[in-house]
Protein backbone atom coordinates (compact mmCIF):
# COMPACT_ATOMS: atom_id res chain seq x y z
CA THR A 1 -2.41 19.82 -48.01
CA GLY A 2 -4.92 18.31 -50.73
CA THR A 3 -7.54 20.64 -52.76
CA THR A 4 -9.91 18.27 -53.11
CA ASN A 5 -11.13 15.53 -50.53
CA VAL A 6 -8.79 12.37 -50.28
CA ALA A 7 -10.74 9.02 -50.89
CA ILE A 8 -9.15 6.11 -49.05
CA THR A 9 -10.24 2.99 -49.53
CA GLY A 10 -8.02 0.53 -47.54
CA ASP A 11 -6.09 1.56 -44.47
CA ILE A 12 -3.82 4.15 -43.51
CA THR A 13 -0.48 3.29 -41.22
CA ALA A 14 2.36 5.21 -40.91
CA ASN A 15 5.09 5.44 -37.05
CA ASN A 16 3.32 8.98 -36.08
CA PHE A 17 0.03 7.66 -35.25
CA GLY A 18 -0.60 6.04 -32.21
CA GLY A 19 -2.47 2.96 -32.07
CA LYS A 20 -4.09 1.43 -29.35
CA ASN A 21 -2.35 0.61 -26.49
CA TYR A 22 -4.08 -2.13 -24.94
CA PHE A 23 -1.20 -1.33 -21.51
CA ILE A 24 -3.29 0.03 -18.88
CA ASN A 25 -0.42 2.37 -17.09
CA GLY A 26 2.32 1.39 -19.11
CA GLN A 27 4.31 4.29 -17.24
CA GLY A 28 3.54 4.07 -13.30
CA LEU A 29 2.04 7.44 -13.59
CA ILE A 30 -0.27 6.02 -11.31
CA ASN A 31 0.16 4.77 -8.10
CA GLN A 32 -2.27 4.79 -5.29
CA ARG A 33 -0.66 1.63 -3.29
CA GLY A 34 2.85 3.89 -3.29
CA ALA A 35 5.75 2.02 -2.21
CA GLN A 36 5.45 -0.79 -1.15
CA VAL A 37 8.44 -3.12 0.50
CA ALA A 38 9.64 -6.34 0.49
CA MET A 39 6.72 -7.98 -1.61
CA ALA A 40 4.92 -10.88 -1.14
CA ASN A 41 3.83 -13.30 -4.34
CA ASN A 42 0.94 -11.92 -6.34
CA ASP A 43 1.61 -8.07 -4.57
CA TYR A 44 0.55 -5.33 -6.34
CA PHE A 45 2.68 -2.30 -6.24
CA VAL A 46 1.98 0.15 -8.94
CA ASP A 47 -1.08 0.14 -10.23
CA ARG A 48 -2.30 -2.78 -12.42
CA TRP A 49 1.26 -4.47 -12.04
CA LYS A 50 1.84 -7.55 -10.03
CA TYR A 51 5.08 -8.79 -8.46
CA THR A 52 5.06 -13.29 -8.24
CA VAL A 53 7.52 -14.22 -6.52
CA VAL A 54 9.90 -17.41 -5.31
CA SER A 55 12.79 -17.09 -4.50
CA THR A 56 15.20 -15.98 -1.12
CA ALA A 57 15.32 -12.31 -2.90
CA VAL A 58 13.66 -9.91 -1.22
CA VAL A 59 12.64 -6.88 -3.71
CA ASN A 60 10.61 -3.53 -3.61
CA GLY A 61 8.67 -1.84 -5.46
CA ASP A 62 7.12 1.48 -6.83
CA ASP A 63 7.75 3.91 -9.52
CA VAL A 64 10.98 6.35 -10.27
CA SER A 65 11.61 8.79 -12.29
CA GLY A 66 8.77 7.67 -14.56
CA TYR A 67 9.57 3.59 -14.76
CA ILE A 68 7.99 0.93 -12.99
CA GLU A 69 10.78 0.17 -11.21
CA VAL A 70 11.27 -2.77 -8.79
CA ASP A 71 14.64 -2.55 -6.40
CA VAL A 72 16.42 -5.68 -4.64
CA THR A 73 16.87 -5.89 -1.51
CA THR A 74 17.91 -9.03 -0.23
CA ALA A 75 19.62 -11.01 -3.19
CA ASP A 76 19.58 -15.03 -4.12
CA ALA A 77 23.05 -14.93 -7.06
CA SER A 78 21.84 -19.03 -7.14
CA ILE A 79 18.61 -19.09 -9.19
CA ALA A 80 17.05 -22.88 -8.04
CA ALA A 81 14.78 -24.91 -11.20
CA GLY A 82 11.69 -23.62 -10.36
CA ASP A 83 12.94 -19.75 -9.03
CA LEU A 84 10.95 -17.36 -10.44
CA SER A 85 9.97 -13.80 -10.31
CA ALA A 86 8.45 -11.18 -13.40
CA ILE A 87 6.16 -8.01 -12.71
CA GLN A 88 2.75 -8.91 -14.58
CA ASN A 89 0.36 -6.46 -16.30
CA LYS A 90 -3.16 -8.39 -16.95
CA ILE A 91 -5.46 -7.02 -19.29
CA GLU A 92 -8.58 -7.57 -19.33
CA SER A 93 -10.75 -9.67 -21.70
CA ASN A 94 -13.77 -7.00 -22.70
CA ASN A 95 -10.22 -5.20 -24.19
CA ILE A 96 -8.78 -7.81 -25.84
CA THR A 97 -11.78 -9.01 -28.36
CA GLU A 98 -10.34 -7.35 -31.32
CA LEU A 99 -7.34 -9.32 -31.36
CA LEU A 100 -8.62 -12.56 -32.30
CA LEU A 101 -6.84 -14.65 -29.78
CA GLY A 102 -7.44 -18.48 -30.91
CA THR A 103 -8.52 -18.33 -34.86
CA ALA A 104 -7.17 -18.43 -37.45
CA SER A 105 -7.77 -15.06 -38.40
CA ALA A 106 -5.95 -13.57 -34.63
CA LYS A 107 -3.56 -10.47 -35.09
CA THR A 108 -0.22 -9.90 -35.66
CA VAL A 109 0.81 -6.70 -32.50
CA THR A 110 3.62 -4.59 -31.57
CA LEU A 111 4.97 -5.04 -27.85
CA SER A 112 7.01 -2.36 -27.69
CA PHE A 113 8.72 -0.65 -24.20
CA LYS A 114 11.41 0.59 -22.57
CA HIS A 115 13.97 0.00 -20.12
CA LYS A 116 16.80 0.61 -18.03
CA HIS A 117 18.38 -2.32 -15.79
CA THR A 118 21.38 -2.46 -14.20
CA LYS A 119 22.36 -6.14 -15.17
CA THR A 120 22.96 -6.27 -18.69
CA GLY A 121 21.92 -9.18 -20.70
CA ILE A 122 19.66 -10.79 -22.75
CA ASN A 123 16.11 -10.52 -20.83
CA CYS A 124 12.83 -12.64 -21.22
CA VAL A 125 9.42 -11.32 -21.80
CA SER A 126 6.16 -13.71 -22.02
CA LEU A 127 2.91 -13.89 -22.77
CA PHE A 128 0.62 -16.20 -21.81
CA ASN A 129 -3.83 -17.02 -21.18
CA SER A 130 -5.87 -17.03 -18.00
CA ALA A 131 -5.62 -20.56 -18.28
CA GLN A 132 -1.40 -20.45 -18.15
CA ASN A 133 -1.12 -23.29 -20.53
CA ARG A 134 -0.25 -21.03 -23.46
CA SER A 135 2.88 -19.06 -23.76
CA TYR A 136 5.48 -17.22 -26.40
CA VAL A 137 8.59 -15.99 -24.56
CA ALA A 138 10.65 -13.58 -26.33
CA GLU A 139 13.84 -11.92 -25.73
CA TYR A 140 15.30 -8.13 -25.92
CA THR A 141 18.75 -7.12 -24.52
CA GLN A 142 19.85 -4.77 -22.12
CA SER A 143 23.66 -3.68 -23.72
CA VAL A 144 24.11 -0.36 -20.92
CA SER A 145 23.70 -0.94 -17.46
CA ASP A 146 20.90 2.01 -16.30
CA THR A 147 20.72 3.16 -19.52
CA GLU A 148 17.47 3.19 -21.36
CA GLU A 149 17.46 1.45 -24.15
CA THR A 150 14.08 -0.07 -26.22
CA ALA A 151 12.76 -3.24 -27.20
CA THR A 152 10.70 -3.86 -30.22
CA ILE A 153 8.80 -7.19 -30.68
CA THR A 154 6.78 -8.48 -33.03
CA ILE A 155 4.30 -11.53 -32.33
CA ALA A 156 1.70 -14.04 -34.47
CA LEU A 157 -0.37 -14.79 -31.74
CA ASP A 158 -1.83 -17.88 -30.84
CA THR A 159 -4.06 -19.42 -33.57
CA THR A 160 -5.01 -22.13 -31.20
CA GLY A 161 -5.80 -22.67 -27.16
CA THR A 162 -8.61 -21.38 -25.18
CA TRP A 163 -9.00 -17.94 -24.99
CA LEU A 164 -11.11 -15.44 -23.14
CA THR A 165 -11.70 -12.66 -25.19
CA THR A 166 -14.93 -11.66 -23.83
CA GLY A 167 -16.16 -10.91 -20.28
CA ASN A 168 -14.39 -9.34 -17.46
CA THR A 169 -11.91 -12.26 -16.85
CA ILE A 170 -8.50 -12.28 -17.69
CA GLY A 171 -7.34 -11.85 -21.32
CA LEU A 172 -4.54 -11.38 -21.68
CA ALA A 173 -1.10 -11.76 -19.33
CA VAL A 174 2.53 -10.20 -19.82
CA SER A 175 5.27 -10.55 -17.80
CA PHE A 176 8.52 -9.10 -17.62
CA CYS A 177 11.67 -11.72 -15.76
CA LEU A 178 13.69 -10.84 -13.75
CA ALA A 179 15.00 -13.94 -12.77
CA ALA A 180 13.32 -17.77 -13.96
CA GLY A 181 14.80 -21.88 -13.05
CA ALA A 182 14.68 -24.48 -15.66
CA THR A 183 10.98 -25.31 -14.75
CA TYR A 184 10.07 -21.97 -16.52
CA GLN A 185 12.60 -21.77 -19.12
CA GLY A 186 11.03 -22.13 -23.17
CA THR A 187 12.05 -21.58 -26.83
CA ALA A 188 11.94 -17.75 -27.83
CA ASP A 189 9.69 -16.66 -30.16
CA SER A 190 7.00 -19.69 -29.96
CA TRP A 191 3.95 -20.12 -29.08
CA GLU A 192 4.00 -23.29 -26.17
CA ALA A 193 1.16 -25.26 -24.01
CA ALA A 194 3.74 -24.48 -21.00
CA LEU A 195 3.39 -21.50 -18.81
CA ASP A 196 7.28 -20.49 -19.32
CA PHE A 197 8.44 -17.30 -18.40
CA ALA A 198 11.88 -17.43 -20.14
CA THR A 199 14.39 -18.45 -22.06
CA SER A 200 17.66 -20.83 -20.70
CA ASN A 201 19.61 -17.13 -21.22
CA GLN A 202 18.11 -14.74 -19.23
CA VAL A 203 19.91 -13.05 -16.47
CA ASN A 204 19.98 -12.98 -12.79
CA ASN A 205 18.46 -8.90 -11.45
CA LEU A 206 17.90 -10.95 -8.46
CA ASP A 207 22.57 -11.14 -8.56
CA SER A 208 22.59 -8.03 -6.11
CA THR A 209 21.44 -5.77 -4.03
CA SER A 210 23.12 -3.04 -5.90
CA ASN A 211 20.30 -4.09 -9.05
CA PHE A 212 17.37 -2.16 -10.01
CA PHE A 213 14.72 -3.55 -13.10
CA ARG A 214 12.53 -0.61 -14.47
CA ILE A 215 10.91 -0.46 -17.33
CA THR A 216 8.18 2.64 -19.13
CA ASP A 217 6.11 3.09 -22.15
CA VAL A 218 5.04 -0.46 -22.24
CA LYS A 219 2.95 -0.09 -25.57
CA LEU A 220 1.34 -3.95 -26.63
CA GLU A 221 -0.38 -2.13 -30.15
CA ILE A 222 -2.30 -4.17 -33.24
CA GLY A 223 0.06 -4.27 -36.44
CA SER A 224 3.48 -5.16 -37.33
CA THR A 225 5.53 -1.33 -36.49
CA ALA A 226 5.55 0.30 -33.32
CA THR A 227 3.67 3.62 -33.03
CA ALA A 228 4.36 6.56 -30.24
CA PHE A 229 3.50 6.06 -26.98
CA VAL A 230 0.55 8.10 -26.30
CA PRO A 231 0.07 8.33 -22.56
CA ASP A 232 -4.14 8.74 -21.47
CA ASP A 233 -5.14 12.27 -20.15
CA TYR A 234 -4.19 11.67 -16.28
CA GLU A 235 -7.89 11.59 -15.38
CA VAL A 236 -8.89 9.45 -17.60
CA LEU A 237 -5.76 6.68 -16.93
CA LEU A 238 -7.41 6.77 -13.07
CA GLY A 239 -10.51 6.69 -13.73
CA LYS A 240 -9.53 3.13 -15.89
CA CYS A 241 -7.15 2.44 -12.63
CA GLN A 242 -9.46 2.73 -10.39
CA ARG A 243 -11.96 0.41 -12.48
CA TYR A 244 -10.10 -2.47 -9.96
CA TYR A 245 -8.53 -0.67 -7.16
CA GLN A 246 -9.90 2.89 -5.28
CA ARG A 247 -8.28 4.42 -1.91
CA HIS A 248 -10.48 6.32 0.09
CA SER A 249 -10.02 8.76 3.09
CA SER A 250 -13.54 8.97 4.26
CA LEU A 251 -16.29 6.54 5.61
CA HIS A 252 -19.55 8.11 4.62
CA SER A 253 -23.22 7.25 5.45
CA CYS A 254 -22.04 5.18 8.56
CA TRP A 255 -24.22 4.29 11.81
CA SER A 256 -23.78 2.48 15.06
CA TYR A 257 -25.31 -0.86 15.07
CA ASN A 258 -24.66 -1.67 18.28
CA THR A 259 -22.10 -0.11 20.89
CA THR A 260 -18.90 -2.00 19.84
CA THR A 261 -19.67 -1.40 15.90
CA ILE A 262 -20.08 0.63 12.87
CA ARG A 263 -21.81 -0.11 9.62
CA CYS A 264 -21.05 1.56 6.19
CA SER A 265 -22.11 1.49 2.94
CA VAL A 266 -19.94 3.18 0.09
CA ALA A 267 -20.50 3.45 -3.18
CA TYR A 268 -17.52 2.95 -6.17
CA SER A 269 -16.61 6.04 -8.37
CA PRO A 270 -16.02 4.65 -11.24
CA GLN A 271 -17.28 1.27 -11.33
CA LEU A 272 -15.02 -1.39 -10.50
CA ARG A 273 -14.29 -4.26 -12.84
CA ALA A 274 -16.16 -6.76 -10.26
CA ALA A 275 -17.89 -6.80 -6.70
CA GLY A 276 -14.60 -5.62 -4.93
CA THR A 277 -12.96 -6.91 -1.51
CA LEU A 278 -12.09 -3.89 0.61
CA SER A 279 -9.97 -3.67 3.43
CA LEU A 280 -8.76 -0.88 6.63
CA ILE A 281 -5.72 1.40 5.52
CA ASP A 282 -6.29 3.27 9.07
CA THR A 283 -7.04 0.08 11.59
CA THR A 284 -7.80 3.00 14.05
CA PRO A 285 -10.16 5.61 12.46
CA SER A 286 -11.83 8.29 14.67
CA ILE A 287 -15.13 8.96 13.77
CA SER A 288 -17.22 11.19 15.31
CA ASP A 289 -21.44 11.76 15.52
CA GLY A 290 -21.27 15.98 15.95
CA VAL A 291 -21.30 15.52 19.55
CA ALA A 292 -18.46 13.31 20.67
CA GLY A 293 -15.91 11.16 19.44
CA PHE A 294 -14.56 7.38 19.48
CA THR A 295 -11.12 5.58 18.51
CA GLY A 296 -10.65 1.66 18.56
CA SER A 297 -9.23 -1.15 16.95
CA SER A 298 -10.56 -1.87 14.55
CA SER A 299 -8.09 -4.39 12.97
CA ALA A 300 -10.62 -6.61 11.08
CA ILE A 301 -13.35 -5.11 8.98
CA THR A 302 -15.83 -7.26 7.34
CA ASN A 303 -17.49 -7.45 3.92
CA GLY A 304 -21.23 -7.79 3.46
CA ALA A 305 -23.15 -7.31 0.44
CA ALA A 306 -21.22 -6.32 -2.51
CA SER A 307 -22.02 -5.15 -6.82
CA VAL A 308 -19.64 -3.15 -8.83
CA ASN A 309 -21.30 -0.05 -7.37
CA GLY A 310 -20.90 -0.48 -4.20
CA GLN A 311 -21.13 -2.67 -0.42
CA ILE A 312 -21.85 -2.06 3.35
CA PHE A 313 -19.40 -3.57 5.61
CA LYS A 314 -18.92 -3.07 9.21
CA ILE A 315 -16.16 -2.25 11.36
CA ASP A 316 -15.47 -3.76 14.93
CA GLY A 317 -13.79 -3.51 17.93
CA PHE A 318 -14.72 0.73 19.17
CA SER A 319 -16.68 0.92 22.82
CA GLY A 320 -19.08 2.82 24.16
CA LEU A 321 -20.82 3.89 20.88
CA THR A 322 -24.95 4.49 20.86
CA ALA A 323 -26.47 2.75 18.68
CA TRP A 324 -28.63 3.95 15.31
CA HIS A 325 -26.39 7.09 15.66
CA GLY A 326 -25.30 8.71 12.25
CA PHE A 327 -21.17 9.12 11.99
CA GLY A 328 -18.95 11.19 9.81
CA GLU A 329 -15.17 10.83 9.31
CA ASN A 330 -12.66 12.11 7.30
CA GLN A 331 -9.11 13.08 7.25
CA ALA A 332 -6.12 13.43 5.22
CA THR A 333 -4.56 9.77 4.75
CA ASP A 334 -6.16 7.09 3.22
CA ILE A 335 -8.68 5.01 5.34
CA TRP A 336 -9.88 1.68 3.31
CA ALA A 337 -9.35 0.72 0.03
CA VAL A 338 -11.83 -2.50 -2.75
CA SER A 339 -9.83 -3.95 -5.10
CA ALA A 340 -11.15 -6.29 -7.14
CA GLU A 341 -7.59 -7.42 -9.14
CA LEU A 342 -7.60 -9.51 -12.19
């Protein structure tokens, strides 16, 4: 409180000033795909979070009680040298320009998050570049099983290496390790010319079907102090996630191209990160031209001309259509999705 103006000539920092968070969906609030069962390598589950695996273990992914969760359903008690299990969040180059990665002026950042793992012991989190030849590994500890704890890690960013800091490609990836063999193990707290996910101290979170791995309030910000996690408004966060992935429950601007094929033009809102790839979720959509309804097997979708704003696609497998009739469809469940993930 003051009676006169206050002139500031430097930066103001305080623990209650929320800094910019470079993560999107750090609480897992947006989950357009829903629960994912028996995830494979490179599967996305909660929006902006991807699973990486080389292991006999099987896991499910979902958002559970405010956490981003991986739940073990088939255990792998013996991790081989080339085995790996991790969840990743890849940050777009356009969003990290001011971090000055790869230069002498690279910033110092602080990574903070809450964790609630079944397995106690040392876990690892790593940062790496798009070429996957520069990485940094840090350790944190789950002290009490199934108990929320907080980790805060300050990192001086890489002053060398090749980092893509403009454009719509991968600028910086952050990975939380569940298990890692010797191939993916490095030294803690140093930048290395390798793709490392953990140290040799990493516990095996895959060794029991009773295990789950949970994180939330994940935040990466400039500076050496962790500030409060301030979530985006829901509609803002949803829009950020839909830049990379969207699901829709209607087909619109559709017409019968011949007796067996329907073509549709779709517009994306918001604009995608890049031209996306469409896929059918409902492989037997029911459509109508206002006169009769049709149902057919449509397990294959062909992507046509695509841009960040929309594209044309066709669905085969119908019969008895009248060529060049307009069609509409709407239902409660999702029909198609488009992905422009990093």
